[in-house]
Amino acid sequence: MRHVNRLKECTRTFSYENNYFMSTVVLMHADLNLAHHLRDVIAAQPGFEVTGVANNFATLREVCNPGMPDLLIVDLMLAPTHIKSLLQGLRGQGSFGPPLILALAVSVDDARLMDALRHGADGYYAHARPTASLMTAIEQLLNGESTMSPQIARQVKAHFDDLAWTESDIVGESQSSLHLTETDRLLLQWTADGYLVNEVARGLRLTPEAVGVRIRHIYRKLQFDLRAGALSLAA
């Protein structure tokens, strides 16, 4: 894991001239041509700087040598063993610090997407071709929010349903990091049923932003029991 251990530092560039933070981004992508296109899309937005592009660990070490970025975008078309090694290195010790990890998938039906979320990804962007909504996903992630499609919600809900906790399990629901709250369960159920974020927010009497934050917390709970789970990043 030496190649991952050197990726533990974080950095954030502050522009004193313009008085705003530059969010730094690194892309790890199997297709360098597409990665360069993504770089241009992201770098064209005010407040974002793409500090490097890589398609293997050796290059990733080089671009991250000055310090880890605020956001690491990881293409799930990379070799599954590379993705697993990277996620375990960054999140294997229960750390949820920088960088934030955005999993890039072609479709929410890709089985590797759920595996990436279980292994530590903070969120995802699923689309055959990058669009303006990629920046929306990035900005939400940097604001502490995550998104969840009905397909992912059904998988996450099934995961927690299968845990089949009893009254005597560990401590009360409110004190166990593995348990969902009633609000969490309603959020998952309504999202799985196809309700939009605004509709879920109204039902829970929350803002859409607060729903996004709760989704991030649900992903955290999904990741806390990784060692007990049977899922893996299969080839």
C-alpha atoms as a PDB file:
ATOM      1  CA  MET A   1       0.000   0.000   0.000  1.00  0.00           C
ATOM      2  CA  ARG A   2       3.033   2.307  -0.251  1.00  0.00           C
ATOM      3  CA  HIS A   3       1.621   3.875  -3.395  1.00  0.00           C
ATOM      4  CA  VAL A   4      -1.494   4.873  -1.456  1.00  0.00           C
ATOM      5  CA  ASN A   5       0.150   5.895   1.807  1.00  0.00           C
ATOM      6  CA  ARG A   6       1.868   8.776   0.029  1.00  0.00           C
ATOM      7  CA  LEU A   7      -1.559  10.128  -0.943  1.00  0.00           C
ATOM      8  CA  LYS A   8      -2.605  11.122   2.564  1.00  0.00           C
ATOM      9  CA  GLU A   9      -1.914  14.843   2.576  1.00  0.00           C
ATOM     10  CA  CYS A  10      -4.400  17.450   1.451  1.00  0.00           C
ATOM     11  CA  THR A  11      -4.084  20.915   0.014  1.00  0.00           C
ATOM     12  CA  ARG A  12      -6.367  23.795  -0.856  1.00  0.00           C
ATOM     13  CA  THR A  13      -5.256  26.772  -2.939  1.00  0.00           C
ATOM     14  CA  PHE A  14      -6.360  30.231  -1.809  1.00  0.00           C
ATOM     15  CA  SER A  15      -6.302  33.127  -4.256  1.00  0.00           C
ATOM     16  CA  TYR A  16      -5.535  36.257  -2.270  1.00  0.00           C
ATOM     17  CA  GLU A  17      -5.918  38.422  -5.363  1.00  0.00           C
ATOM     18  CA  ASN A  18      -9.513  37.311  -5.966  1.00  0.00           C
ATOM     19  CA  ASN A  19     -10.239  36.434  -2.323  1.00  0.00           C
ATOM     20  CA  TYR A  20     -11.738  32.982  -2.904  1.00  0.00           C
ATOM     21  CA  PHE A  21     -10.754  29.376  -2.460  1.00  0.00           C
ATOM     22  CA  MET A  22      -9.795  27.335  -5.494  1.00  0.00           C
ATOM     23  CA  SER A  23     -11.127  23.809  -5.220  1.00  0.00           C
ATOM     24  CA  THR A  24      -8.444  21.468  -6.504  1.00  0.00           C
ATOM     25  CA  VAL A  25      -9.356  18.380  -8.519  1.00  0.00           C
ATOM     26  CA  VAL A  26      -7.418  15.335  -9.715  1.00  0.00           C
ATOM     27  CA  LEU A  27      -8.806  12.942 -12.320  1.00  0.00           C
ATOM     28  CA  MET A  28      -7.902   9.254 -12.356  1.00  0.00           C
ATOM     29  CA  HIS A  29      -9.408   7.896 -15.549  1.00  0.00           C
ATOM     30  CA  ALA A  30      -8.878   4.893 -17.809  1.00  0.00           C
ATOM     31  CA  ASP A  31      -9.342   6.985 -20.965  1.00  0.00           C
ATOM     32  CA  LEU A  32      -6.865   9.865 -21.034  1.00  0.00           C
ATOM     33  CA  ASN A  33      -8.603  11.551 -23.975  1.00  0.00           C
ATOM     34  CA  LEU A  34     -11.900  11.665 -22.090  1.00  0.00           C
ATOM     35  CA  ALA A  35     -10.040  12.659 -18.924  1.00  0.00           C
ATOM     36  CA  HIS A  36      -8.573  15.671 -20.710  1.00  0.00           C
ATOM     37  CA  HIS A  37     -12.048  16.623 -21.901  1.00  0.00           C
ATOM     38  CA  LEU A  38     -13.331  16.384 -18.326  1.00  0.00           C
ATOM     39  CA  ARG A  39     -10.376  18.473 -17.200  1.00  0.00           C
ATOM     40  CA  ASP A  40     -11.343  21.211 -19.632  1.00  0.00           C
ATOM     41  CA  VAL A  41     -14.999  21.108 -18.535  1.00  0.00           C
ATOM     42  CA  ILE A  42     -14.067  21.439 -14.852  1.00  0.00           C
ATOM     43  CA  ALA A  43     -11.242  23.943 -15.278  1.00  0.00           C
ATOM     44  CA  ALA A  44     -13.536  26.240 -17.273  1.00  0.00           C
ATOM     45  CA  GLN A  45     -15.639  26.811 -14.142  1.00  0.00           C
ATOM     46  CA  PRO A  46     -14.661  29.649 -11.792  1.00  0.00           C
ATOM     47  CA  GLY A  47     -13.124  28.462  -8.551  1.00  0.00           C
ATOM     48  CA  PHE A  48     -11.855  25.110  -9.838  1.00  0.00           C
ATOM     49  CA  GLU A  49      -8.346  23.987 -10.694  1.00  0.00           C
ATOM     50  CA  VAL A  50      -7.545  20.553 -12.133  1.00  0.00           C
ATOM     51  CA  THR A  51      -4.084  19.870 -10.764  1.00  0.00           C
ATOM     52  CA  GLY A  52      -3.490  16.565 -12.512  1.00  0.00           C
ATOM     53  CA  VAL A  53      -4.735  13.712 -14.687  1.00  0.00           C
ATOM     54  CA  ALA A  54      -3.659  10.088 -14.243  1.00  0.00           C
ATOM     55  CA  ASN A  55      -4.547   6.655 -15.557  1.00  0.00           C
ATOM     56  CA  ASN A  56      -2.306   4.636 -13.226  1.00  0.00           C
ATOM     57  CA  PHE A  57      -0.832   4.803  -9.717  1.00  0.00           C
ATOM     58  CA  ALA A  58       2.608   5.910 -10.855  1.00  0.00           C
ATOM     59  CA  THR A  59       1.176   9.018 -12.514  1.00  0.00           C
ATOM     60  CA  LEU A  60      -1.230   9.581  -9.631  1.00  0.00           C
ATOM     61  CA  ARG A  61       1.714   9.659  -7.216  1.00  0.00           C
ATOM     62  CA  GLU A  62       3.391  12.290  -9.339  1.00  0.00           C
ATOM     63  CA  VAL A  63       0.404  14.616  -9.656  1.00  0.00           C
ATOM     64  CA  CYS A  64      -0.440  14.248  -5.954  1.00  0.00           C
ATOM     65  CA  ASN A  65       3.124  14.615  -4.712  1.00  0.00           C
ATOM     66  CA  PRO A  66       2.662  18.293  -3.719  1.00  0.00           C
ATOM     67  CA  GLY A  67      -0.445  17.319  -1.734  1.00  0.00           C
ATOM     68  CA  MET A  68      -3.821  15.666  -2.122  1.00  0.00           C
ATOM     69  CA  PRO A  69      -6.571  17.609  -3.906  1.00  0.00           C
ATOM     70  CA  ASP A  70      -9.924  18.564  -2.452  1.00  0.00           C
ATOM     71  CA  LEU A  71     -11.604  16.140  -4.848  1.00  0.00           C
ATOM     72  CA  LEU A  72     -10.424  12.946  -6.502  1.00  0.00           C
ATOM     73  CA  ILE A  73     -12.564  11.726  -9.409  1.00  0.00           C
ATOM     74  CA  VAL A  74     -12.121   7.986  -9.997  1.00  0.00           C
ATOM     75  CA  ASP A  75     -13.274   6.244 -13.162  1.00  0.00           C
ATOM     76  CA  LEU A  76     -14.849   2.870 -12.383  1.00  0.00           C
ATOM     77  CA  MET A  77     -13.629   1.532 -15.729  1.00  0.00           C
ATOM     78  CA  LEU A  78     -10.157   1.279 -14.213  1.00  0.00           C
ATOM     79  CA  ALA A  79      -8.995  -2.158 -13.129  1.00  0.00           C
ATOM     80  CA  PRO A  80     -11.141  -3.209 -10.125  1.00  0.00           C
ATOM     81  CA  THR A  81      -8.050  -4.147  -8.128  1.00  0.00           C
ATOM     82  CA  HIS A  82      -6.668  -0.628  -8.613  1.00  0.00           C
ATOM     83  CA  ILE A  83      -9.925   0.962  -7.481  1.00  0.00           C
ATOM     84  CA  LYS A  84     -10.168  -1.298  -4.442  1.00  0.00           C
ATOM     85  CA  SER A  85      -6.537  -0.629  -3.496  1.00  0.00           C
ATOM     86  CA  LEU A  86      -7.033   3.117  -3.826  1.00  0.00           C
ATOM     87  CA  LEU A  87     -10.266   3.240  -1.816  1.00  0.00           C
ATOM     88  CA  GLN A  88      -8.930   0.953   0.905  1.00  0.00           C
ATOM     89  CA  GLY A  89      -5.787   3.043   1.172  1.00  0.00           C
ATOM     90  CA  LEU A  90      -7.740   6.274   1.573  1.00  0.00           C
ATOM     91  CA  ARG A  91     -10.664   4.941   3.616  1.00  0.00           C
ATOM     92  CA  GLY A  92      -9.523   1.588   5.005  1.00  0.00           C
ATOM     93  CA  GLN A  93      -8.717   2.958   8.462  1.00  0.00           C
ATOM     94  CA  GLY A  94     -12.116   4.584   8.836  1.00  0.00           C
ATOM     95  CA  SER A  95     -10.847   7.970   7.673  1.00  0.00           C
ATOM     96  CA  PHE A  96     -13.282  10.226   5.854  1.00  0.00           C
ATOM     97  CA  GLY A  97     -10.958  13.185   5.481  1.00  0.00           C
ATOM     98  CA  PRO A  98      -9.667  14.707   2.242  1.00  0.00           C
ATOM     99  CA  PRO A  99      -9.795  14.054  -0.568  1.00  0.00           C
ATOM    100  CA  LEU A 100     -13.473  13.673  -1.295  1.00  0.00           C
ATOM    101  CA  ILE A 101     -13.966  10.813  -3.745  1.00  0.00           C
ATOM    102  CA  LEU A 102     -16.379  11.014  -6.675  1.00  0.00           C
ATOM    103  CA  ALA A 103     -16.944   7.710  -8.488  1.00  0.00           C
ATOM    104  CA  LEU A 104     -17.470   8.098 -12.226  1.00  0.00           C
ATOM    105  CA  ALA A 105     -19.736   5.495 -13.833  1.00  0.00           C
ATOM    106  CA  VAL A 106     -21.449   5.099 -17.179  1.00  0.00           C
ATOM    107  CA  SER A 107     -24.706   4.012 -15.537  1.00  0.00           C
ATOM    108  CA  VAL A 108     -26.243   3.681 -12.084  1.00  0.00           C
ATOM    109  CA  ASP A 109     -26.828   0.043 -13.009  1.00  0.00           C
ATOM    110  CA  ASP A 110     -23.075  -0.641 -12.948  1.00  0.00           C
ATOM    111  CA  ALA A 111     -22.536  -3.068 -10.042  1.00  0.00           C
ATOM    112  CA  ARG A 112     -19.134  -1.508  -9.395  1.00  0.00           C
ATOM    113  CA  LEU A 113     -20.827   1.721  -8.366  1.00  0.00           C
ATOM    114  CA  MET A 114     -22.443   0.218  -5.268  1.00  0.00           C
ATOM    115  CA  ASP A 115     -19.148  -1.430  -4.405  1.00  0.00           C
ATOM    116  CA  ALA A 116     -17.318   1.891  -4.705  1.00  0.00           C
ATOM    117  CA  LEU A 117     -19.857   3.559  -2.405  1.00  0.00           C
ATOM    118  CA  ARG A 118     -19.438   0.773   0.135  1.00  0.00           C
ATOM    119  CA  HIS A 119     -15.671   1.062   0.002  1.00  0.00           C
ATOM    120  CA  GLY A 120     -15.540   4.782   0.642  1.00  0.00           C
ATOM    121  CA  ALA A 121     -16.681   6.896  -2.303  1.00  0.00           C
ATOM    122  CA  ASP A 122     -18.497  10.020  -1.104  1.00  0.00           C
ATOM    123  CA  GLY A 123     -20.746  10.218  -4.129  1.00  0.00           C
ATOM    124  CA  TYR A 124     -20.980   9.467  -7.810  1.00  0.00           C
ATOM    125  CA  TYR A 125     -21.724  10.809 -11.247  1.00  0.00           C
ATOM    126  CA  ALA A 126     -23.295   8.349 -13.667  1.00  0.00           C
ATOM    127  CA  HIS A 127     -23.671   9.321 -17.309  1.00  0.00           C
ATOM    128  CA  ALA A 128     -22.450   7.957 -20.623  1.00  0.00           C
ATOM    129  CA  ARG A 129     -21.131  11.393 -21.575  1.00  0.00           C
ATOM    130  CA  PRO A 130     -20.216  14.263 -19.238  1.00  0.00           C
ATOM    131  CA  THR A 131     -22.683  17.156 -19.216  1.00  0.00           C
ATOM    132  CA  ALA A 132     -23.220  20.324 -17.218  1.00  0.00           C
ATOM    133  CA  SER A 133     -24.727  18.183 -14.461  1.00  0.00           C
ATOM    134  CA  LEU A 134     -21.221  16.904 -13.718  1.00  0.00           C
ATOM    135  CA  MET A 135     -20.405  20.290 -12.200  1.00  0.00           C
ATOM    136  CA  THR A 136     -23.598  20.161 -10.168  1.00  0.00           C
ATOM    137  CA  ALA A 137     -22.520  16.789  -8.734  1.00  0.00           C
ATOM    138  CA  ILE A 138     -19.044  18.147  -7.959  1.00  0.00           C
ATOM    139  CA  GLU A 139     -20.363  21.275  -6.263  1.00  0.00           C
ATOM    140  CA  GLN A 140     -22.838  19.260  -4.185  1.00  0.00           C
ATOM    141  CA  LEU A 141     -20.062  16.952  -3.053  1.00  0.00           C
ATOM    142  CA  LEU A 142     -17.855  19.865  -2.006  1.00  0.00           C
ATOM    143  CA  ASN A 143     -20.831  21.332  -0.101  1.00  0.00           C
ATOM    144  CA  GLY A 144     -21.193  18.164   1.993  1.00  0.00           C
ATOM    145  CA  GLU A 145     -24.049  16.684  -0.004  1.00  0.00           C
ATOM    146  CA  SER A 146     -24.425  13.497  -2.038  1.00  0.00           C
ATOM    147  CA  THR A 147     -26.957  12.268  -4.545  1.00  0.00           C
ATOM    148  CA  MET A 148     -28.819   8.971  -4.734  1.00  0.00           C
ATOM    149  CA  SER A 149     -30.806   7.471  -7.607  1.00  0.00           C
ATOM    150  CA  PRO A 150     -33.787   5.133  -7.071  1.00  0.00           C
ATOM    151  CA  GLN A 151     -31.626   2.204  -8.211  1.00  0.00           C
ATOM    152  CA  ILE A 152     -28.912   2.974  -5.652  1.00  0.00           C
ATOM    153  CA  ALA A 153     -31.516   3.688  -2.950  1.00  0.00           C
ATOM    154  CA  ARG A 154     -33.025   0.240  -3.451  1.00  0.00           C
ATOM    155  CA  GLN A 155     -29.614  -1.412  -3.087  1.00  0.00           C
ATOM    156  CA  VAL A 156     -28.724   0.612   0.009  1.00  0.00           C
ATOM    157  CA  LYS A 157     -32.128  -0.103   1.569  1.00  0.00           C
ATOM    158  CA  ALA A 158     -31.765  -3.834   0.851  1.00  0.00           C
ATOM    159  CA  HIS A 159     -28.349  -3.784   2.497  1.00  0.00           C
ATOM    160  CA  PHE A 160     -29.702  -2.331   5.729  1.00  0.00           C
ATOM    161  CA  ASP A 161     -32.835  -4.484   5.632  1.00  0.00           C
ATOM    162  CA  ASP A 162     -30.631  -7.571   5.440  1.00  0.00           C
ATOM    163  CA  LEU A 163     -28.817  -6.595   8.627  1.00  0.00           C
ATOM    164  CA  ALA A 164     -31.982  -7.601  10.529  1.00  0.00           C
ATOM    165  CA  TRP A 165     -31.046  -5.919  13.784  1.00  0.00           C
ATOM    166  CA  THR A 166     -32.762  -7.040  16.969  1.00  0.00           C
ATOM    167  CA  GLU A 167     -33.601  -5.015  20.067  1.00  0.00           C
ATOM    168  CA  SER A 168     -30.515  -6.362  21.835  1.00  0.00           C
ATOM    169  CA  ASP A 169     -28.044  -5.468  19.101  1.00  0.00           C
ATOM    170  CA  ILE A 170     -25.143  -3.403  20.509  1.00  0.00           C
ATOM    171  CA  VAL A 171     -26.870  -0.274  21.825  1.00  0.00           C
ATOM    172  CA  GLY A 172     -29.959   1.650  20.872  1.00  0.00           C
ATOM    173  CA  GLU A 173     -30.527   2.751  17.305  1.00  0.00           C
ATOM    174  CA  SER A 174     -29.680   6.341  18.066  1.00  0.00           C
ATOM    175  CA  GLN A 175     -26.255   5.328  19.391  1.00  0.00           C
ATOM    176  CA  SER A 176     -25.142   2.838  16.747  1.00  0.00           C
ATOM    177  CA  SER A 177     -23.292   4.152  13.716  1.00  0.00           C
ATOM    178  CA  LEU A 178     -24.626   1.166  11.764  1.00  0.00           C
ATOM    179  CA  HIS A 179     -28.299   1.867  12.340  1.00  0.00           C
ATOM    180  CA  LEU A 180     -30.518   4.064  10.214  1.00  0.00           C
ATOM    181  CA  THR A 181     -32.796   6.582  11.864  1.00  0.00           C
ATOM    182  CA  GLU A 182     -36.474   6.652  10.979  1.00  0.00           C
ATOM    183  CA  THR A 183     -35.791   9.725   8.828  1.00  0.00           C
ATOM    184  CA  ASP A 184     -33.025   7.814   7.019  1.00  0.00           C
ATOM    185  CA  ARG A 185     -35.404   4.946   6.311  1.00  0.00           C
ATOM    186  CA  LEU A 186     -38.118   7.234   4.982  1.00  0.00           C
ATOM    187  CA  LEU A 187     -35.573   8.993   2.788  1.00  0.00           C
ATOM    188  CA  LEU A 188     -34.402   5.677   1.345  1.00  0.00           C
ATOM    189  CA  GLN A 189     -37.936   4.364   0.833  1.00  0.00           C
ATOM    190  CA  TRP A 190     -39.220   7.468  -0.914  1.00  0.00           C
ATOM    191  CA  THR A 191     -36.087   7.777  -3.051  1.00  0.00           C
ATOM    192  CA  ALA A 192     -36.352   4.091  -3.990  1.00  0.00           C
ATOM    193  CA  ASP A 193     -39.986   4.718  -4.936  1.00  0.00           C
ATOM    194  CA  GLY A 194     -38.859   7.368  -7.394  1.00  0.00           C
ATOM    195  CA  TYR A 195     -39.695  10.580  -5.555  1.00  0.00           C
ATOM    196  CA  LEU A 196     -37.529  13.558  -6.480  1.00  0.00           C
ATOM    197  CA  VAL A 197     -35.254  15.264  -3.963  1.00  0.00           C
ATOM    198  CA  ASN A 198     -37.602  18.227  -3.608  1.00  0.00           C
ATOM    199  CA  GLU A 199     -40.511  15.878  -2.917  1.00  0.00           C
ATOM    200  CA  VAL A 200     -38.520  13.904  -0.360  1.00  0.00           C
ATOM    201  CA  ALA A 201     -37.451  17.157   1.287  1.00  0.00           C
ATOM    202  CA  ARG A 202     -41.050  18.343   1.606  1.00  0.00           C
ATOM    203  CA  GLY A 203     -42.121  15.011   3.068  1.00  0.00           C
ATOM    204  CA  LEU A 204     -39.337  15.120   5.655  1.00  0.00           C
ATOM    205  CA  ARG A 205     -39.766  18.860   6.293  1.00  0.00           C
ATOM    206  CA  LEU A 206     -36.169  19.456   5.308  1.00  0.00           C
ATOM    207  CA  THR A 207     -34.431  21.507   2.648  1.00  0.00           C
ATOM    208  CA  PRO A 208     -33.133  19.700  -0.448  1.00  0.00           C
ATOM    209  CA  GLU A 209     -29.618  20.529   0.776  1.00  0.00           C
ATOM    210  CA  ALA A 210     -30.314  18.859   4.123  1.00  0.00           C
ATOM    211  CA  VAL A 211     -31.514  15.765   2.268  1.00  0.00           C
ATOM    212  CA  GLY A 212     -28.217  15.717   0.364  1.00  0.00           C
ATOM    213  CA  VAL A 213     -26.302  15.886   3.646  1.00  0.00           C
ATOM    214  CA  ARG A 214     -28.370  13.010   5.040  1.00  0.00           C
ATOM    215  CA  ILE A 215     -27.597  10.948   1.957  1.00  0.00           C
ATOM    216  CA  ARG A 216     -23.894  11.517   2.613  1.00  0.00           C
ATOM    217  CA  HIS A 217     -24.400  10.298   6.199  1.00  0.00           C
ATOM    218  CA  ILE A 218     -26.225   7.201   4.945  1.00  0.00           C
ATOM    219  CA  TYR A 219     -23.256   6.389   2.711  1.00  0.00           C
ATOM    220  CA  ARG A 220     -21.025   6.775   5.774  1.00  0.00           C
ATOM    221  CA  LYS A 221     -23.166   4.276   7.679  1.00  0.00           C
ATOM    222  CA  LEU A 222     -23.011   1.957   4.678  1.00  0.00           C
ATOM    223  CA  GLN A 223     -19.217   2.114   4.856  1.00  0.00           C
ATOM    224  CA  PHE A 224     -18.859   1.628   8.613  1.00  0.00           C
ATOM    225  CA  ASP A 225     -19.668  -2.084   8.429  1.00  0.00           C
ATOM    226  CA  LEU A 226     -17.397  -2.781   5.446  1.00  0.00           C
ATOM    227  CA  ARG A 227     -15.371  -5.378   7.336  1.00  0.00           C
ATOM    228  CA  ALA A 228     -18.488  -7.413   8.068  1.00  0.00           C
ATOM    229  CA  GLY A 229     -19.836  -7.185   4.532  1.00  0.00           C
ATOM    230  CA  ALA A 230     -19.433  -9.715   1.809  1.00  0.00           C
ATOM    231  CA  LEU A 231     -19.368  -7.326  -1.129  1.00  0.00           C
ATOM    232  CA  SER A 232     -16.116  -6.721  -2.979  1.00  0.00           C
ATOM    233  CA  LEU A 233     -14.899  -4.991  -6.106  1.00  0.00           C
ATOM    234  CA  ALA A 234     -15.073  -8.056  -8.306  1.00  0.00           C
ATOM    235  CA  ALA A 235     -13.433  -8.129 -11.676  1.00  0.00           C
END
